Amino acid sequence: MMSLDPSCKYDNALPNATLSPPRQKNLHQSNQVKASTFGFTALFFILFAAATLAGWLNPILATLVACAVGALVAVADAVYIRQMDRSIAIMATALADGSKNVNDVSTEFVLPESSPVKTISRVIAQRDSSVREMVFRVRYGIREVSTLASLLSNSLADTHQLANQQKDLASSVFDASEASRRAVASVQERAGHLNATTQQQRKAVLESQAELQAAADQVQGAVDKLSHFYCVVDELETHSTEIGDIVSVISAISDQTNLLALNAAIEASSAGEAGKGFAVVATEVRQLAEQVKKATETITTSIDRMKVKVSETQTQTKDIHQRVDATALAVSNAGDRFAAMIDEYSAMAEHLDYTQDAITQLSNISSQIGDITHDIHRSCDDVASQMNGGESQLHNLSAATERILQVSDAFFVGGDKTEIIPHRLKYYCRKLEAIVQQAAEPPTNLLSDKITDKPVHVAQAVLARFLKELRMEIEDLSYAIVHCSQTDQHHYQGELPAGHKSQSLPISNNDGVVQKSYMDDGQTFYDFSAPIYIDGQPWGRLQLGFLASAL
């Protein structure tokens, strides 16, 4: 597609354009009046006056001769003036012939050097040359300005569209930033609540840790006391064993004492009256031994029951000690977990503080983005307004350049191909009209709904031949196109430029249009177009395309 970038390559026709020399109008048919005639006459009168003053000639004869010579001089002057008038008349006739094309400055008069109006002819030629050069330069310059103004207008239109897109995008960004700011504010509020909750939970965990530590200390105290109690029970068991041993010894002594008392009683009964008192003592000793034995048996039974209780106490104390140790271990582990939880809550609180600070910064950035997008939105409005003003000014510039171009097209300079081609285009349009009318079978208005397909097929063959001949006749023609509006078909010869956009420029023919197109490869095409009329009704258009370098 055509690039709308003003920096793109294009053929600048103005600096490289050259104007061909004007046509020369030969006016040598005006008779020359030589200066020697006037010189001879002046010399004659000088010599004649000298002879008369010297008395060499008769005064009467001299008078007659002077009159005759004066008459001859008058006749010569009349002839000279007549020749000037004839030269001027020939120039006027030539100008009248050239004025058939309005403001025709394409002709230069060629007069002999001795012509009395040579100076006038030279002045007219210089003026016409200046006018031709001025019209030529103005015409190409205005067309360049018109084309570049159109390109700039397209660029402004694209810029206007981009500004509107940026405006819409800025609005979307502004809405998104507002939504983001609201979301950030909500997240910030929730982060604050979460931070406060985390701090409260951390405080509660610290309190629970303190309570757990107190319970751990109490459990440890119970463990210590239970250990001491266990030691006391062990000592009690030891003492009970020792007491049992002592009781066993006492029981053995009691048995021996009882046996000795029994033996003493037997011996006392053998002694008779002499041993009667000893028998009483032996009986008392035996009774005391039996009482001691019963007491030892009772003590032994009590000690056995006490040993059982001590053993049970040891077992229960050991179990309690194990349970208390497990409880202490659980409390210690719970304390470690609480410490880890406190560390995690502390780290979480730090992260929440960092997150809250980041969210605050994000909120500030969102506010700044909102302000910036608002400024961008307003700037886009200003740019769009300026683009509208620029487009309006470019429209005025295009209108002014078209008016100037129409004025320049009123001059015929003769060496401008863009001026000659429209005239040839009109000629070929008339020729094509005649060909199409002759090709129609039967001859009828080609816009009629009753026309059959046969004339159209004939016209296609004829049009193809016409375009082929046309391309051979016109020098530097790149392509030729005939567009039939009846069938909306195109017939063409040559290579058409693909993928381009054209800018319409006015030409002197009100029905004609010249388009200038810029291609991606830097080439520039001029496309001349004119309508075809059949029976006074529009039938189609004829288009001729030229490379700008060929013009």
Foldseek 3Di string as FASTA:
>chain_A
DFDLPLPAFADQCQVVPDFDAFAEDEPAVLDFDDPVVVVVLVVVVVVLVVCVVVVVDDVVVSVVVVVVSVVVVVVSVVVLVVSLVVSVVVVVVVVVVQCVQPQELRYQYDYDPRHPCVVVSVVSVVVSVVLLVVLVNLLSVLVVVLVNLVSVLVVLVVVLVVLVVLLVVLVVLLVVLVVVLVVLVVVLVVLVVVLVVLVVVLVVLVVVLVVLVVVLVVLVVVLVVLVVVLVVLVVVLVVLVVVLVVLVVLLVVLVVLLVVLVVLLVVLVVVPPVSPVVNVVSVVSNVVSVVSNVVSVVSNVVSVVVNVVSVVVNVVSVVVSVVSVVVSVVSVVVSVVSVVVSVVSVVVSVVSVVVSVVSVVVSVVSVVSSVVSVVSSVVSVVSSVVSVVSSVVSVVSSVVSQVVSLVSLSYHNPRDPVNVVVVVQVVVLVVLLVVLQVLQVVRDAPLDPPGDCVSVVSNLVVVQVSQVVVVVVDPQWAKKWWQFPNVRDIDMDHDDDPDWDWDWGDHNDPQKIWTWIADNVSWIKIKIKGFHDHPNHTGTMMIIMHTSVVD
